[in-house]
Amino acid sequence: MKVRDRECRFPTCHRPAHDTDLDHVVPYQRGGDTNTGNLIGLCRRHHRTKHTSGWRFHLTDTGTLNITTPTGHTYRTP
């Protein structure tokens, strides 16, 4: 995933992938698989943000990440 992502997947963050955490889009505890279709690279700050109430992350089959903020804004990162 770090080769695919190359940097943190959060919009406007450009921290290099080698400094990111691999995170399950669908949490492992909720049945999320540990595979390329469910893992993304997020820097530690944005990894913690993802687990804050109101944030929603969805990874499409094409690898596009859709992030919806608590205010309802959606951002897409290819």
PDB file of N, CA and C in Angstrom:
ATOM      1  N   MET A   1       0.805  -1.172   0.000  1.00  0.00           N
ATOM      2  CA  MET A   1       0.000   0.000   0.000  1.00  0.00           C
ATOM      3  C   MET A   1       0.861   1.254   0.000  1.00  0.00           C
ATOM      4  N   LYS A   2       1.985   1.185   0.630  1.00  0.00           N
ATOM      5  CA  LYS A   2       2.843   2.366   0.672  1.00  0.00           C
ATOM      6  C   LYS A   2       3.398   2.709  -0.704  1.00  0.00           C
ATOM      7  N   VAL A   3       3.575   1.719  -1.557  1.00  0.00           N
ATOM      8  CA  VAL A   3       4.008   1.980  -2.932  1.00  0.00           C
ATOM      9  C   VAL A   3       2.854   2.599  -3.708  1.00  0.00           C
ATOM     10  N   ARG A   4       1.662   2.073  -3.529  1.00  0.00           N
ATOM     11  CA  ARG A   4       0.484   2.609  -4.216  1.00  0.00           C
ATOM     12  C   ARG A   4       0.193   4.042  -3.772  1.00  0.00           C
ATOM     13  N   ASP A   5       0.199   4.282  -2.477  1.00  0.00           N
ATOM     14  CA  ASP A   5      -0.221   5.581  -1.962  1.00  0.00           C
ATOM     15  C   ASP A   5       0.856   6.665  -2.086  1.00  0.00           C
ATOM     16  N   ARG A   6       2.101   6.315  -1.899  1.00  0.00           N
ATOM     17  CA  ARG A   6       3.259   7.207  -2.004  1.00  0.00           C
ATOM     18  C   ARG A   6       3.308   8.323  -0.964  1.00  0.00           C
ATOM     19  N   GLU A   7       2.147   8.728  -0.437  1.00  0.00           N
ATOM     20  CA  GLU A   7       2.100   9.725   0.632  1.00  0.00           C
ATOM     21  C   GLU A   7       0.790   9.552   1.394  1.00  0.00           C
ATOM     22  N   CYS A   8       0.649  10.267   2.494  1.00  0.00           N
ATOM     23  CA  CYS A   8      -0.574  10.216   3.286  1.00  0.00           C
ATOM     24  C   CYS A   8      -1.768  10.473   2.371  1.00  0.00           C
ATOM     25  N   ARG A   9      -2.820   9.662   2.510  1.00  0.00           N
ATOM     26  CA  ARG A   9      -3.990   9.780   1.633  1.00  0.00           C
ATOM     27  C   ARG A   9      -4.939  10.909   2.023  1.00  0.00           C
ATOM     28  N   PHE A  10      -4.706  11.568   3.128  1.00  0.00           N
ATOM     29  CA  PHE A  10      -5.572  12.661   3.552  1.00  0.00           C
ATOM     30  C   PHE A  10      -5.361  13.854   2.635  1.00  0.00           C
ATOM     31  N   PRO A  11      -6.453  14.519   2.180  1.00  0.00           N
ATOM     32  CA  PRO A  11      -6.305  15.653   1.262  1.00  0.00           C
ATOM     33  C   PRO A  11      -5.355  16.724   1.801  1.00  0.00           C
ATOM     34  N   THR A  12      -4.505  17.210   0.949  1.00  0.00           N
ATOM     35  CA  THR A  12      -3.496  18.259   1.183  1.00  0.00           C
ATOM     36  C   THR A  12      -2.322  17.825   2.053  1.00  0.00           C
ATOM     37  N   CYS A  13      -2.303  16.590   2.536  1.00  0.00           N
ATOM     38  CA  CYS A  13      -1.166  16.118   3.323  1.00  0.00           C
ATOM     39  C   CYS A  13      -0.194  15.397   2.391  1.00  0.00           C
ATOM     40  N   HIS A  14       1.056  15.750   2.476  1.00  0.00           N
ATOM     41  CA  HIS A  14       2.053  15.175   1.582  1.00  0.00           C
ATOM     42  C   HIS A  14       3.175  14.453   2.329  1.00  0.00           C
ATOM     43  N   ARG A  15       2.860  13.991   3.536  1.00  0.00           N
ATOM     44  CA  ARG A  15       3.869  13.232   4.298  1.00  0.00           C
ATOM     45  C   ARG A  15       4.176  11.955   3.521  1.00  0.00           C
ATOM     46  N   PRO A  16       5.442  11.645   3.324  1.00  0.00           N
ATOM     47  CA  PRO A  16       5.827  10.461   2.538  1.00  0.00           C
ATOM     48  C   PRO A  16       5.280   9.161   3.142  1.00  0.00           C
ATOM     49  N   ALA A  17       4.982   8.227   2.252  1.00  0.00           N
ATOM     50  CA  ALA A  17       4.377   6.958   2.668  1.00  0.00           C
ATOM     51  C   ALA A  17       5.216   6.214   3.698  1.00  0.00           C
ATOM     52  N   HIS A  18       6.531   6.327   3.628  1.00  0.00           N
ATOM     53  CA  HIS A  18       7.349   5.591   4.599  1.00  0.00           C
ATOM     54  C   HIS A  18       7.168   6.128   6.022  1.00  0.00           C
ATOM     55  N   ASP A  19       6.517   7.309   6.169  1.00  0.00           N
ATOM     56  CA  ASP A  19       6.216   7.873   7.484  1.00  0.00           C
ATOM     57  C   ASP A  19       4.744   7.708   7.857  1.00  0.00           C
ATOM     58  N   THR A  20       4.018   6.834   7.164  1.00  0.00           N
ATOM     59  CA  THR A  20       2.591   6.675   7.440  1.00  0.00           C
ATOM     60  C   THR A  20       2.299   5.344   8.122  1.00  0.00           C
ATOM     61  N   ASP A  21       1.121   5.279   8.721  1.00  0.00           N
ATOM     62  CA  ASP A  21       0.605   4.038   9.296  1.00  0.00           C
ATOM     63  C   ASP A  21      -0.308   3.397   8.257  1.00  0.00           C
ATOM     64  N   LEU A  22      -0.300   2.085   8.178  1.00  0.00           N
ATOM     65  CA  LEU A  22      -1.300   1.394   7.369  1.00  0.00           C
ATOM     66  C   LEU A  22      -2.545   1.247   8.235  1.00  0.00           C
ATOM     67  N   ASP A  23      -3.676   1.695   7.704  1.00  0.00           N
ATOM     68  CA  ASP A  23      -4.905   1.700   8.476  1.00  0.00           C
ATOM     69  C   ASP A  23      -6.019   1.025   7.688  1.00  0.00           C
ATOM     70  N   HIS A  24      -6.830   0.254   8.386  1.00  0.00           N
ATOM     71  CA  HIS A  24      -8.001  -0.391   7.773  1.00  0.00           C
ATOM     72  C   HIS A  24      -9.075   0.663   7.531  1.00  0.00           C
ATOM     73  N   VAL A  25      -9.602   0.744   6.310  1.00  0.00           N
ATOM     74  CA  VAL A  25     -10.713   1.652   6.029  1.00  0.00           C
ATOM     75  C   VAL A  25     -11.946   1.159   6.769  1.00  0.00           C
ATOM     76  N   VAL A  26     -12.297  -0.113   6.577  1.00  0.00           N
ATOM     77  CA  VAL A  26     -13.321  -0.772   7.398  1.00  0.00           C
ATOM     78  C   VAL A  26     -12.554  -1.431   8.535  1.00  0.00           C
ATOM     79  N   PRO A  27     -12.790  -1.010   9.771  1.00  0.00           N
ATOM     80  CA  PRO A  27     -12.007  -1.527  10.891  1.00  0.00           C
ATOM     81  C   PRO A  27     -11.999  -3.060  10.956  1.00  0.00           C
ATOM     82  N   TYR A  28     -10.852  -3.586  11.307  1.00  0.00           N
ATOM     83  CA  TYR A  28     -10.676  -5.035  11.444  1.00  0.00           C
ATOM     84  C   TYR A  28     -11.713  -5.615  12.402  1.00  0.00           C
ATOM     85  N   GLN A  29     -11.987  -4.892  13.489  1.00  0.00           N
ATOM     86  CA  GLN A  29     -12.935  -5.363  14.500  1.00  0.00           C
ATOM     87  C   GLN A  29     -14.360  -5.448  13.945  1.00  0.00           C
ATOM     88  N   ARG A  30     -14.616  -4.744  12.839  1.00  0.00           N
ATOM     89  CA  ARG A  30     -15.948  -4.773  12.220  1.00  0.00           C
ATOM     90  C   ARG A  30     -15.958  -5.624  10.955  1.00  0.00           C
ATOM     91  N   GLY A  31     -14.981  -6.489  10.823  1.00  0.00           N
ATOM     92  CA  GLY A  31     -14.947  -7.417   9.697  1.00  0.00           C
ATOM     93  C   GLY A  31     -14.126  -6.955   8.516  1.00  0.00           C
ATOM     94  N   GLY A  32     -13.384  -5.857   8.667  1.00  0.00           N
ATOM     95  CA  GLY A  32     -12.558  -5.361   7.574  1.00  0.00           C
ATOM     96  C   GLY A  32     -11.374  -6.275   7.313  1.00  0.00           C
ATOM     97  N   ASP A  33     -11.149  -6.581   6.051  1.00  0.00           N
ATOM     98  CA  ASP A  33     -10.031  -7.447   5.672  1.00  0.00           C
ATOM     99  C   ASP A  33      -8.713  -6.687   5.692  1.00  0.00           C
ATOM    100  N   THR A  34      -7.643  -7.430   5.859  1.00  0.00           N
ATOM    101  CA  THR A  34      -6.307  -6.864   5.779  1.00  0.00           C
ATOM    102  C   THR A  34      -5.773  -7.174   4.389  1.00  0.00           C
ATOM    103  N   ASN A  35      -6.122  -6.291   3.441  1.00  0.00           N
ATOM    104  CA  ASN A  35      -5.684  -6.458   2.053  1.00  0.00           C
ATOM    105  C   ASN A  35      -5.643  -5.088   1.369  1.00  0.00           C
ATOM    106  N   THR A  36      -5.155  -5.057   0.149  1.00  0.00           N
ATOM    107  CA  THR A  36      -4.987  -3.779  -0.557  1.00  0.00           C
ATOM    108  C   THR A  36      -6.304  -3.047  -0.773  1.00  0.00           C
ATOM    109  N   GLY A  37      -7.410  -3.757  -0.799  1.00  0.00           N
ATOM    110  CA  GLY A  37      -8.703  -3.121  -0.986  1.00  0.00           C
ATOM    111  C   GLY A  37      -9.275  -2.497   0.265  1.00  0.00           C
ATOM    112  N   ASN A  38      -8.558  -2.623   1.388  1.00  0.00           N
ATOM    113  CA  ASN A  38      -9.074  -2.083   2.644  1.00  0.00           C
ATOM    114  C   ASN A  38      -8.012  -1.363   3.470  1.00  0.00           C
ATOM    115  N   LEU A  39      -6.817  -1.214   2.947  1.00  0.00           N
ATOM    116  CA  LEU A  39      -5.756  -0.535   3.692  1.00  0.00           C
ATOM    117  C   LEU A  39      -5.335   0.740   2.977  1.00  0.00           C
ATOM    118  N   ILE A  40      -5.092   1.794   3.765  1.00  0.00           N
ATOM    119  CA  ILE A  40      -4.572   3.051   3.231  1.00  0.00           C
ATOM    120  C   ILE A  40      -3.456   3.534   4.136  1.00  0.00           C
ATOM    121  N   GLY A  41      -2.583   4.362   3.578  1.00  0.00           N
ATOM    122  CA  GLY A  41      -1.518   4.975   4.358  1.00  0.00           C
ATOM    123  C   GLY A  41      -1.968   6.338   4.856  1.00  0.00           C
ATOM    124  N   LEU A  42      -1.942   6.523   6.172  1.00  0.00           N
ATOM    125  CA  LEU A  42      -2.265   7.809   6.780  1.00  0.00           C
ATOM    126  C   LEU A  42      -1.159   8.178   7.758  1.00  0.00           C
ATOM    127  N   CYS A  43      -0.745   9.446   7.738  1.00  0.00           N
ATOM    128  CA  CYS A  43       0.219   9.880   8.746  1.00  0.00           C
ATOM    129  C   CYS A  43      -0.454   9.753  10.114  1.00  0.00           C
ATOM    130  N   ARG A  44       0.320   9.760  11.156  1.00  0.00           N
ATOM    131  CA  ARG A  44      -0.225   9.521  12.497  1.00  0.00           C
ATOM    132  C   ARG A  44      -1.331  10.525  12.845  1.00  0.00           C
ATOM    133  N   ARG A  45      -1.138  11.795  12.499  1.00  0.00           N
ATOM    134  CA  ARG A  45      -2.151  12.817  12.797  1.00  0.00           C
ATOM    135  C   ARG A  45      -3.487  12.482  12.126  1.00  0.00           C
ATOM    136  N   HIS A  46      -3.446  12.135  10.840  1.00  0.00           N
ATOM    137  CA  HIS A  46      -4.679  11.864  10.117  1.00  0.00           C
ATOM    138  C   HIS A  46      -5.244  10.481  10.430  1.00  0.00           C
ATOM    139  N   HIS A  47      -4.398   9.575  10.858  1.00  0.00           N
ATOM    140  CA  HIS A  47      -4.871   8.273  11.346  1.00  0.00           C
ATOM    141  C   HIS A  47      -5.752   8.508  12.577  1.00  0.00           C
ATOM    142  N   ARG A  48      -5.284   9.360  13.471  1.00  0.00           N
ATOM    143  CA  ARG A  48      -6.074   9.664  14.675  1.00  0.00           C
ATOM    144  C   ARG A  48      -7.352  10.414  14.318  1.00  0.00           C
ATOM    145  N   THR A  49      -7.263  11.330  13.359  1.00  0.00           N
ATOM    146  CA  THR A  49      -8.444  12.074  12.914  1.00  0.00           C
ATOM    147  C   THR A  49      -9.503  11.119  12.392  1.00  0.00           C
ATOM    148  N   LYS A  50      -9.079  10.120  11.615  1.00  0.00           N
ATOM    149  CA  LYS A  50     -10.022   9.151  11.033  1.00  0.00           C
ATOM    150  C   LYS A  50     -10.868   8.482  12.106  1.00  0.00           C
ATOM    151  N   HIS A  51     -10.300   8.275  13.270  1.00  0.00           N
ATOM    152  CA  HIS A  51     -11.007   7.580  14.338  1.00  0.00           C
ATOM    153  C   HIS A  51     -11.784   8.531  15.252  1.00  0.00           C
ATOM    154  N   THR A  52     -11.864   9.804  14.851  1.00  0.00           N
ATOM    155  CA  THR A  52     -12.650  10.783  15.590  1.00  0.00           C
ATOM    156  C   THR A  52     -14.090  10.726  15.094  1.00  0.00           C
ATOM    157  N   SER A  53     -15.016  10.925  15.969  1.00  0.00           N
ATOM    158  CA  SER A  53     -16.442  10.840  15.636  1.00  0.00           C
ATOM    159  C   SER A  53     -16.821  11.729  14.455  1.00  0.00           C
ATOM    160  N   GLY A  54     -17.604  11.167  13.546  1.00  0.00           N
ATOM    161  CA  GLY A  54     -18.146  11.937  12.439  1.00  0.00           C
ATOM    162  C   GLY A  54     -17.411  11.819  11.122  1.00  0.00           C
ATOM    163  N   TRP A  55     -16.204  11.292  11.125  1.00  0.00           N
ATOM    164  CA  TRP A  55     -15.437  11.126   9.898  1.00  0.00           C
ATOM    165  C   TRP A  55     -15.812   9.797   9.253  1.00  0.00           C
ATOM    166  N   ARG A  56     -15.965   9.790   7.912  1.00  0.00           N
ATOM    167  CA  ARG A  56     -16.255   8.557   7.188  1.00  0.00           C
ATOM    168  C   ARG A  56     -15.269   8.419   6.031  1.00  0.00           C
ATOM    169  N   PHE A  57     -14.703   7.244   5.900  1.00  0.00           N
ATOM    170  CA  PHE A  57     -13.750   6.938   4.844  1.00  0.00           C
ATOM    171  C   PHE A  57     -14.286   5.780   4.025  1.00  0.00           C
ATOM    172  N   HIS A  58     -14.181   5.879   2.696  1.00  0.00           N
ATOM    173  CA  HIS A  58     -14.619   4.804   1.807  1.00  0.00           C
ATOM    174  C   HIS A  58     -13.606   4.681   0.673  1.00  0.00           C
ATOM    175  N   LEU A  59     -13.071   3.494   0.490  1.00  0.00           N
ATOM    176  CA  LEU A  59     -12.115   3.216  -0.577  1.00  0.00           C
ATOM    177  C   LEU A  59     -12.841   2.460  -1.680  1.00  0.00           C
ATOM    178  N   THR A  60     -12.853   3.034  -2.895  1.00  0.00           N
ATOM    179  CA  THR A  60     -13.566   2.397  -4.010  1.00  0.00           C
ATOM    180  C   THR A  60     -12.721   1.287  -4.615  1.00  0.00           C
ATOM    181  N   ASP A  61     -13.336   0.507  -5.499  1.00  0.00           N
ATOM    182  CA  ASP A  61     -12.631  -0.575  -6.185  1.00  0.00           C
ATOM    183  C   ASP A  61     -11.488  -0.060  -7.050  1.00  0.00           C
ATOM    184  N   THR A  62     -11.568   1.193  -7.493  1.00  0.00           N
ATOM    185  CA  THR A  62     -10.518   1.775  -8.333  1.00  0.00           C
ATOM    186  C   THR A  62      -9.406   2.415  -7.516  1.00  0.00           C
ATOM    187  N   GLY A  63      -9.525   2.399  -6.187  1.00  0.00           N
ATOM    188  CA  GLY A  63      -8.493   2.957  -5.331  1.00  0.00           C
ATOM    189  C   GLY A  63      -8.723   4.399  -4.926  1.00  0.00           C
ATOM    190  N   THR A  64      -9.830   5.001  -5.367  1.00  0.00           N
ATOM    191  CA  THR A  64     -10.147   6.364  -4.955  1.00  0.00           C
ATOM    192  C   THR A  64     -10.649   6.347  -3.523  1.00  0.00           C
ATOM    193  N   LEU A  65     -10.122   7.261  -2.718  1.00  0.00           N
ATOM    194  CA  LEU A  65     -10.535   7.371  -1.325  1.00  0.00           C
ATOM    195  C   LEU A  65     -11.495   8.545  -1.198  1.00  0.00           C
ATOM    196  N   ASN A  66     -12.689   8.276  -0.689  1.00  0.00           N
ATOM    197  CA  ASN A  66     -13.676   9.311  -0.408  1.00  0.00           C
ATOM    198  C   ASN A  66     -13.694   9.544   1.090  1.00  0.00           C
ATOM    199  N   ILE A  67     -13.469  10.790   1.489  1.00  0.00           N
ATOM    200  CA  ILE A  67     -13.466  11.153   2.902  1.00  0.00           C
ATOM    201  C   ILE A  67     -14.584  12.157   3.120  1.00  0.00           C
ATOM    202  N   THR A  68     -15.477  11.858   4.050  1.00  0.00           N
ATOM    203  CA  THR A  68     -16.554  12.778   4.407  1.00  0.00           C
ATOM    204  C   THR A  68     -16.287  13.294   5.811  1.00  0.00           C
ATOM    205  N   THR A  69     -16.277  14.613   5.942  1.00  0.00           N
ATOM    206  CA  THR A  69     -15.992  15.266   7.218  1.00  0.00           C
ATOM    207  C   THR A  69     -17.238  15.286   8.097  1.00  0.00           C
ATOM    208  N   PRO A  70     -17.075  15.606   9.367  1.00  0.00           N
ATOM    209  CA  PRO A  70     -18.250  15.713  10.245  1.00  0.00           C
ATOM    210  C   PRO A  70     -19.255  16.780   9.771  1.00  0.00           C
ATOM    211  N   THR A  71     -18.808  17.763   8.990  1.00  0.00           N
ATOM    212  CA  THR A  71     -19.713  18.804   8.491  1.00  0.00           C
ATOM    213  C   THR A  71     -20.389  18.411   7.186  1.00  0.00           C
ATOM    214  N   GLY A  72     -20.059  17.218   6.650  1.00  0.00           N
ATOM    215  CA  GLY A  72     -20.700  16.723   5.448  1.00  0.00           C
ATOM    216  C   GLY A  72     -19.966  16.994   4.141  1.00  0.00           C
ATOM    217  N   HIS A  73     -18.820  17.647   4.192  1.00  0.00           N
ATOM    218  CA  HIS A  73     -18.027  17.865   2.982  1.00  0.00           C
ATOM    219  C   HIS A  73     -17.322  16.570   2.587  1.00  0.00           C
ATOM    220  N   THR A  74     -17.288  16.278   1.298  1.00  0.00           N
ATOM    221  CA  THR A  74     -16.626  15.070   0.812  1.00  0.00           C
ATOM    222  C   THR A  74     -15.437  15.446  -0.044  1.00  0.00           C
ATOM    223  N   TYR A  75     -14.319  14.790   0.204  1.00  0.00           N
ATOM    224  CA  TYR A  75     -13.089  14.975  -0.562  1.00  0.00           C
ATOM    225  C   TYR A  75     -12.705  13.647  -1.171  1.00  0.00           C
ATOM    226  N   ARG A  76     -12.171  13.687  -2.380  1.00  0.00           N
ATOM    227  CA  ARG A  76     -11.745  12.473  -3.081  1.00  0.00           C
ATOM    228  C   ARG A  76     -10.255  12.560  -3.378  1.00  0.00           C
ATOM    229  N   THR A  77      -9.568  11.482  -3.117  1.00  0.00           N
ATOM    230  CA  THR A  77      -8.156  11.408  -3.468  1.00  0.00           C
ATOM    231  C   THR A  77      -7.942  10.155  -4.312  1.00  0.00           C
ATOM    232  N   PRO A  78      -7.370  10.326  -5.493  1.00  0.00           N
ATOM    233  CA  PRO A  78      -7.153   9.168  -6.376  1.00  0.00           C
ATOM    234  C   PRO A  78      -6.066   8.241  -5.848  1.00  0.00           C
TER     235      PRO A  78
END
